[in-house]
Amino acid sequence: MTLVGHKEGISGVTWLENANEVCTASLDHTIKIWDSEIGGMKGELVGSKAFFGLSYSKHHQLLLTAGCERTIRTYDPRSTQGLIVKSAFASHQVCR
């Protein structure tokens, strides 16, 4: 199966709690949640910058992302209301 929908390269992929759900992060500033059983997109989170990495915590049921703005953010893929970003951590410095 091929899941098509990102406009730029994919920088991360992870399975979610539900065995049929896979999540992808992209340089196109989006995170997409896919249903691998039907081969279609179930949801999309839109960020302000490109995503460089993606991980999922089964314990907390949160997505962790790394982006080009040197910030790690947590997202709740189950959330349908309120803020999409649950927390942000910024501590990395630019090397020159």
C-alpha atoms as a PDB file:
ATOM      1  CA  MET A   1       0.000   0.000   0.000  1.00  0.00           C
ATOM      2  CA  THR A   2       1.164   3.529  -0.744  1.00  0.00           C
ATOM      3  CA  LEU A   3      -0.200   6.447   1.287  1.00  0.00           C
ATOM      4  CA  VAL A   4      -0.145   9.625  -0.791  1.00  0.00           C
ATOM      5  CA  GLY A   5      -0.784  13.134   0.492  1.00  0.00           C
ATOM      6  CA  HIS A   6       2.335  15.011   1.606  1.00  0.00           C
ATOM      7  CA  LYS A   7       3.628  17.784  -0.654  1.00  0.00           C
ATOM      8  CA  GLU A   8       7.264  17.524   0.537  1.00  0.00           C
ATOM      9  CA  GLY A   9       9.555  14.809   1.881  1.00  0.00           C
ATOM     10  CA  ILE A  10       8.552  12.683   4.867  1.00  0.00           C
ATOM     11  CA  SER A  11      10.823  13.113   7.893  1.00  0.00           C
ATOM     12  CA  GLY A  12       9.225  10.723  10.374  1.00  0.00           C
ATOM     13  CA  VAL A  13       6.788   7.844  10.694  1.00  0.00           C
ATOM     14  CA  THR A  14       5.358   5.995  13.694  1.00  0.00           C
ATOM     15  CA  TRP A  15       2.512   3.636  14.579  1.00  0.00           C
ATOM     16  CA  LEU A  16      -0.097   4.957  17.012  1.00  0.00           C
ATOM     17  CA  GLU A  17      -1.907   3.082  19.797  1.00  0.00           C
ATOM     18  CA  ASN A  18      -4.545   1.737  17.411  1.00  0.00           C
ATOM     19  CA  ALA A  19      -2.830  -0.943  15.305  1.00  0.00           C
ATOM     20  CA  ASN A  20      -4.465   0.455  12.144  1.00  0.00           C
ATOM     21  CA  GLU A  21      -3.189   4.028  12.593  1.00  0.00           C
ATOM     22  CA  VAL A  22       0.135   5.322  11.322  1.00  0.00           C
ATOM     23  CA  CYS A  23       1.367   8.880  11.664  1.00  0.00           C
ATOM     24  CA  THR A  24       3.754  10.729   9.327  1.00  0.00           C
ATOM     25  CA  ALA A  25       5.594  14.038   9.707  1.00  0.00           C
ATOM     26  CA  SER A  26       6.782  16.047   6.737  1.00  0.00           C
ATOM     27  CA  LEU A  27       8.853  18.972   5.597  1.00  0.00           C
ATOM     28  CA  ASP A  28       5.539  20.405   4.255  1.00  0.00           C
ATOM     29  CA  HIS A  29       4.672  21.533   7.838  1.00  0.00           C
ATOM     30  CA  THR A  30       2.060  18.797   8.359  1.00  0.00           C
ATOM     31  CA  ILE A  31       1.541  15.694  10.452  1.00  0.00           C
ATOM     32  CA  LYS A  32      -0.919  13.248   8.934  1.00  0.00           C
ATOM     33  CA  ILE A  33      -2.726  10.389  10.652  1.00  0.00           C
ATOM     34  CA  TRP A  34      -3.553   7.520   8.326  1.00  0.00           C
ATOM     35  CA  ASP A  35      -5.867   4.524   8.546  1.00  0.00           C
ATOM     36  CA  SER A  36      -3.743   1.679   7.194  1.00  0.00           C
ATOM     37  CA  GLU A  37      -6.762  -0.574   6.821  1.00  0.00           C
ATOM     38  CA  ILE A  38      -8.587   1.640   4.312  1.00  0.00           C
ATOM     39  CA  GLY A  39      -5.486   3.474   3.022  1.00  0.00           C
ATOM     40  CA  GLY A  40      -6.844   6.962   3.674  1.00  0.00           C
ATOM     41  CA  MET A  41      -6.036   9.968   5.820  1.00  0.00           C
ATOM     42  CA  LYS A  42      -7.956  10.278   9.106  1.00  0.00           C
ATOM     43  CA  GLY A  43      -6.603  13.598  10.291  1.00  0.00           C
ATOM     44  CA  GLU A  44      -4.017  16.302   9.833  1.00  0.00           C
ATOM     45  CA  LEU A  45      -2.121  18.660  12.145  1.00  0.00           C
ATOM     46  CA  VAL A  46      -0.642  21.761  10.535  1.00  0.00           C
ATOM     47  CA  GLY A  47       2.458  23.373  12.024  1.00  0.00           C
ATOM     48  CA  SER A  48       4.195  26.637  11.246  1.00  0.00           C
ATOM     49  CA  LYS A  49       7.561  25.073  10.305  1.00  0.00           C
ATOM     50  CA  ALA A  50       8.946  21.869   8.807  1.00  0.00           C
ATOM     51  CA  PHE A  51       8.987  18.763  10.999  1.00  0.00           C
ATOM     52  CA  PHE A  52      12.339  16.942  11.232  1.00  0.00           C
ATOM     53  CA  GLY A  53      11.363  14.031  13.457  1.00  0.00           C
ATOM     54  CA  LEU A  54       8.411  12.241  15.040  1.00  0.00           C
ATOM     55  CA  SER A  55       7.855   9.776  17.872  1.00  0.00           C
ATOM     56  CA  TYR A  56       4.845   8.428  19.781  1.00  0.00           C
ATOM     57  CA  SER A  57       4.559   7.750  23.512  1.00  0.00           C
ATOM     58  CA  LYS A  58       2.161   4.861  24.157  1.00  0.00           C
ATOM     59  CA  HIS A  59       2.265   5.633  27.882  1.00  0.00           C
ATOM     60  CA  HIS A  60       1.171   9.277  27.499  1.00  0.00           C
ATOM     61  CA  GLN A  61      -0.582   8.848  24.114  1.00  0.00           C
ATOM     62  CA  LEU A  62       1.201  11.941  22.771  1.00  0.00           C
ATOM     63  CA  LEU A  63       3.170  12.680  19.626  1.00  0.00           C
ATOM     64  CA  LEU A  64       6.613  14.238  20.049  1.00  0.00           C
ATOM     65  CA  THR A  65       7.999  16.300  17.185  1.00  0.00           C
ATOM     66  CA  ALA A  66      11.300  17.987  16.429  1.00  0.00           C
ATOM     67  CA  GLY A  67      11.275  20.961  14.117  1.00  0.00           C
ATOM     68  CA  CYS A  68      13.594  23.330  12.321  1.00  0.00           C
ATOM     69  CA  GLU A  69      12.931  26.070  14.894  1.00  0.00           C
ATOM     70  CA  ARG A  70      14.919  24.038  17.509  1.00  0.00           C
ATOM     71  CA  THR A  71      11.812  23.166  19.530  1.00  0.00           C
ATOM     72  CA  ILE A  72      10.360  19.854  20.681  1.00  0.00           C
ATOM     73  CA  ARG A  73       6.566  19.900  20.836  1.00  0.00           C
ATOM     74  CA  THR A  74       3.966  17.459  22.132  1.00  0.00           C
ATOM     75  CA  TYR A  75       0.649  16.948  20.356  1.00  0.00           C
ATOM     76  CA  ASP A  76      -2.384  14.939  21.438  1.00  0.00           C
ATOM     77  CA  PRO A  77      -3.666  13.175  18.293  1.00  0.00           C
ATOM     78  CA  ARG A  78      -6.992  12.457  20.060  1.00  0.00           C
ATOM     79  CA  SER A  79      -7.666  16.164  20.693  1.00  0.00           C
ATOM     80  CA  THR A  80     -10.470  17.742  18.698  1.00  0.00           C
ATOM     81  CA  GLN A  81     -10.802  21.035  20.604  1.00  0.00           C
ATOM     82  CA  GLY A  82      -8.532  23.661  22.115  1.00  0.00           C
ATOM     83  CA  LEU A  83      -4.812  24.007  21.534  1.00  0.00           C
ATOM     84  CA  ILE A  84      -3.192  21.432  19.281  1.00  0.00           C
ATOM     85  CA  VAL A  85       0.247  21.873  20.884  1.00  0.00           C
ATOM     86  CA  LYS A  86       0.149  20.582  24.462  1.00  0.00           C
ATOM     87  CA  SER A  87       3.694  21.688  25.401  1.00  0.00           C
ATOM     88  CA  ALA A  88       6.895  23.000  23.843  1.00  0.00           C
ATOM     89  CA  PHE A  89      10.515  22.705  24.943  1.00  0.00           C
ATOM     90  CA  ALA A  90      13.224  24.951  23.490  1.00  0.00           C
ATOM     91  CA  SER A  91      16.820  24.707  24.623  1.00  0.00           C
ATOM     92  CA  HIS A  92      19.021  23.885  21.646  1.00  0.00           C
ATOM     93  CA  GLN A  93      21.400  26.565  20.420  1.00  0.00           C
ATOM     94  CA  VAL A  94      22.539  27.298  16.897  1.00  0.00           C
ATOM     95  CA  CYS A  95      26.169  26.291  16.307  1.00  0.00           C
ATOM     96  CA  ARG A  96      28.251  28.836  14.425  1.00  0.00           C
END
